[in-house]
Amino acid sequence: MPLEFCEQPPEPAAFKSLYDSTGWGPRERTVAFYAEALAGSWACCAAYEDGQLLGFGRLVSDGRLHAYVNEMIVLPGHQGRGVGREILRRLLARCQAAGIEDIQLFAARGKSGFYAAQGFGPRPEDAPGMQYRPLLP
């Protein structure tokens, strides 16, 4: 059966299951937690096969200046089939349609080659991304 792509967010339970496949966060997070996370999305693209969520990507954006690829997830057994590439292509098209030129992301370990092949490159040495880490008292 062919892949189907949808610009609506997936059901929160399906998103939780997909997210849990990455090992990125605690599995104890509730479905409601993921529903709230999805509500903050500016644009989404989900990939399905036979009704099963195989991949999902989303953007957080102000809609004009900046967009951030917040998640790009494809089930491990379905990677290498072009699912992620098509999801990202559709998300980038959404940015281009809105006139957004500043599109950023943080690649998961071992995945930077995928993004480089899609046109992403490292930020300049004097302007790399930064991450907040609270100072201990």
Protein backbone atom coordinates (compact mmCIF):
# COMPACT_ATOMS: atom_id res chain seq x y z
CA MET A 1 0.00 0.00 0.00
CA PRO A 2 1.36 3.46 -0.85
CA LEU A 3 2.43 5.95 1.77
CA GLU A 4 -0.04 8.65 2.67
CA PHE A 5 1.07 12.06 3.90
CA CYS A 6 -1.11 14.32 6.01
CA GLU A 7 -0.55 17.89 7.18
CA GLN A 8 -2.55 17.33 10.36
CA PRO A 9 -0.88 16.24 13.60
CA PRO A 10 -1.27 12.57 14.43
CA GLU A 11 -3.32 11.31 17.34
CA PRO A 12 -1.37 11.99 20.56
CA ALA A 13 -1.17 8.27 21.45
CA ALA A 14 0.36 7.48 18.04
CA PHE A 15 2.81 10.36 18.46
CA LYS A 16 3.79 9.11 21.91
CA SER A 17 4.44 5.65 20.51
CA LEU A 18 6.54 7.06 17.66
CA TYR A 19 8.44 9.36 20.03
CA ASP A 20 9.08 6.49 22.43
CA SER A 21 10.74 4.59 19.55
CA THR A 22 13.56 7.18 19.59
CA GLY A 23 14.63 6.77 23.22
CA TRP A 24 14.78 10.58 23.51
CA GLY A 25 12.60 10.98 26.56
CA PRO A 26 11.07 9.18 29.48
CA ARG A 27 8.43 6.64 28.51
CA GLU A 28 6.43 7.67 31.59
CA ARG A 29 5.24 10.81 29.81
CA THR A 30 1.48 10.67 29.33
CA VAL A 31 -0.52 10.87 26.14
CA ALA A 32 -1.85 14.22 27.45
CA PHE A 33 1.75 15.49 27.61
CA TYR A 34 2.17 14.73 23.90
CA ALA A 35 -1.21 16.28 23.06
CA GLU A 36 -0.03 19.53 24.65
CA ALA A 37 3.27 19.36 22.76
CA LEU A 38 1.47 18.89 19.44
CA ALA A 39 -0.73 21.91 20.16
CA GLY A 40 2.35 24.15 19.91
CA SER A 41 3.08 23.13 16.33
CA TRP A 42 3.00 25.62 13.46
CA ALA A 43 3.13 23.01 10.70
CA CYS A 44 3.03 19.22 10.69
CA CYS A 45 3.51 16.37 8.30
CA ALA A 46 2.69 12.78 9.19
CA ALA A 47 3.33 9.68 7.08
CA TYR A 48 1.05 6.65 7.27
CA GLU A 49 1.02 3.21 5.75
CA ASP A 50 -2.03 1.00 6.25
CA GLY A 51 -3.18 3.44 8.94
CA GLN A 52 0.04 3.11 10.95
CA LEU A 53 2.04 6.24 11.75
CA LEU A 54 5.49 5.63 10.25
CA GLY A 55 6.95 9.11 10.46
CA PHE A 56 6.27 12.60 11.65
CA GLY A 57 7.88 16.02 11.49
CA ARG A 58 6.78 19.35 12.80
CA LEU A 59 7.79 22.98 12.81
CA VAL A 60 7.59 25.58 15.53
CA SER A 61 7.54 29.06 14.01
CA ASP A 62 6.45 32.67 14.31
CA GLY A 63 5.10 32.26 10.77
CA ARG A 64 7.24 34.97 9.18
CA LEU A 65 10.88 35.15 10.29
CA HIS A 66 12.00 31.86 11.79
CA ALA A 67 11.09 28.21 11.76
CA TYR A 68 12.57 25.40 13.77
CA VAL A 69 12.30 21.75 12.83
CA ASN A 70 11.30 20.42 16.21
CA GLU A 71 10.91 16.72 15.49
CA MET A 72 11.72 14.48 12.58
CA ILE A 73 11.01 10.87 13.46
CA VAL A 74 10.69 7.79 11.28
CA LEU A 75 10.19 4.37 12.84
CA PRO A 76 13.56 2.61 12.80
CA GLY A 77 12.34 -0.27 10.61
CA HIS A 78 11.13 2.18 7.96
CA GLN A 79 14.15 4.48 7.72
CA GLY A 80 15.91 4.58 4.37
CA ARG A 81 12.65 4.46 2.38
CA GLY A 82 12.46 8.21 1.71
CA VAL A 83 9.78 8.82 4.35
CA GLY A 84 11.81 11.40 6.28
CA ARG A 85 13.00 13.09 3.10
CA GLU A 86 9.42 13.58 1.91
CA ILE A 87 8.25 14.83 5.31
CA LEU A 88 11.08 17.35 5.42
CA ARG A 89 10.46 18.41 1.80
CA ARG A 90 6.84 19.18 2.66
CA LEU A 91 7.77 21.11 5.81
CA LEU A 92 10.35 23.17 3.90
CA ALA A 93 7.75 23.93 1.21
CA ARG A 94 5.45 25.25 3.92
CA CYS A 95 8.22 27.59 5.10
CA GLN A 96 8.97 28.73 1.56
CA ALA A 97 5.27 29.45 0.94
CA ALA A 98 5.29 31.70 4.05
CA GLY A 99 8.50 33.43 2.94
CA ILE A 100 10.50 32.04 5.87
CA GLU A 101 14.19 31.79 5.04
CA ASP A 102 15.69 31.14 8.49
CA ILE A 103 15.02 27.44 9.10
CA GLN A 104 17.04 25.71 11.81
CA LEU A 105 17.26 22.38 13.57
CA PHE A 106 19.33 20.26 15.89
CA ALA A 107 20.16 16.89 14.37
CA ALA A 108 19.98 13.78 16.51
CA ARG A 109 23.26 11.91 16.96
CA GLY A 110 24.34 10.27 13.73
CA LYS A 111 21.69 12.00 11.62
CA SER A 112 23.48 15.15 10.43
CA GLY A 113 24.33 13.48 7.10
CA PHE A 114 20.62 13.10 6.35
CA TYR A 115 20.05 16.83 6.88
CA ALA A 116 23.18 17.80 4.92
CA ALA A 117 21.80 15.85 1.96
CA GLN A 118 18.62 17.95 2.23
CA GLY A 119 20.47 21.29 2.12
CA PHE A 120 21.21 21.95 5.80
CA GLY A 121 24.69 22.91 6.92
CA PRO A 122 26.45 23.81 10.14
CA ARG A 123 26.10 27.26 11.58
CA PRO A 124 29.21 29.46 11.63
CA GLU A 125 31.75 28.71 14.39
CA ASP A 126 31.09 32.10 16.00
CA ALA A 127 27.30 31.57 15.97
CA PRO A 128 26.55 27.94 16.80
CA GLY A 129 23.32 26.99 18.47
CA MET A 130 23.21 27.26 22.22
CA GLN A 131 21.24 25.35 24.83
CA TYR A 132 20.05 26.66 28.18
CA ARG A 133 21.47 24.82 31.16
CA PRO A 134 20.44 26.38 34.48
CA LEU A 135 23.27 27.43 36.73
CA LEU A 136 23.44 25.51 39.95
CA PRO A 137 23.32 27.64 43.13
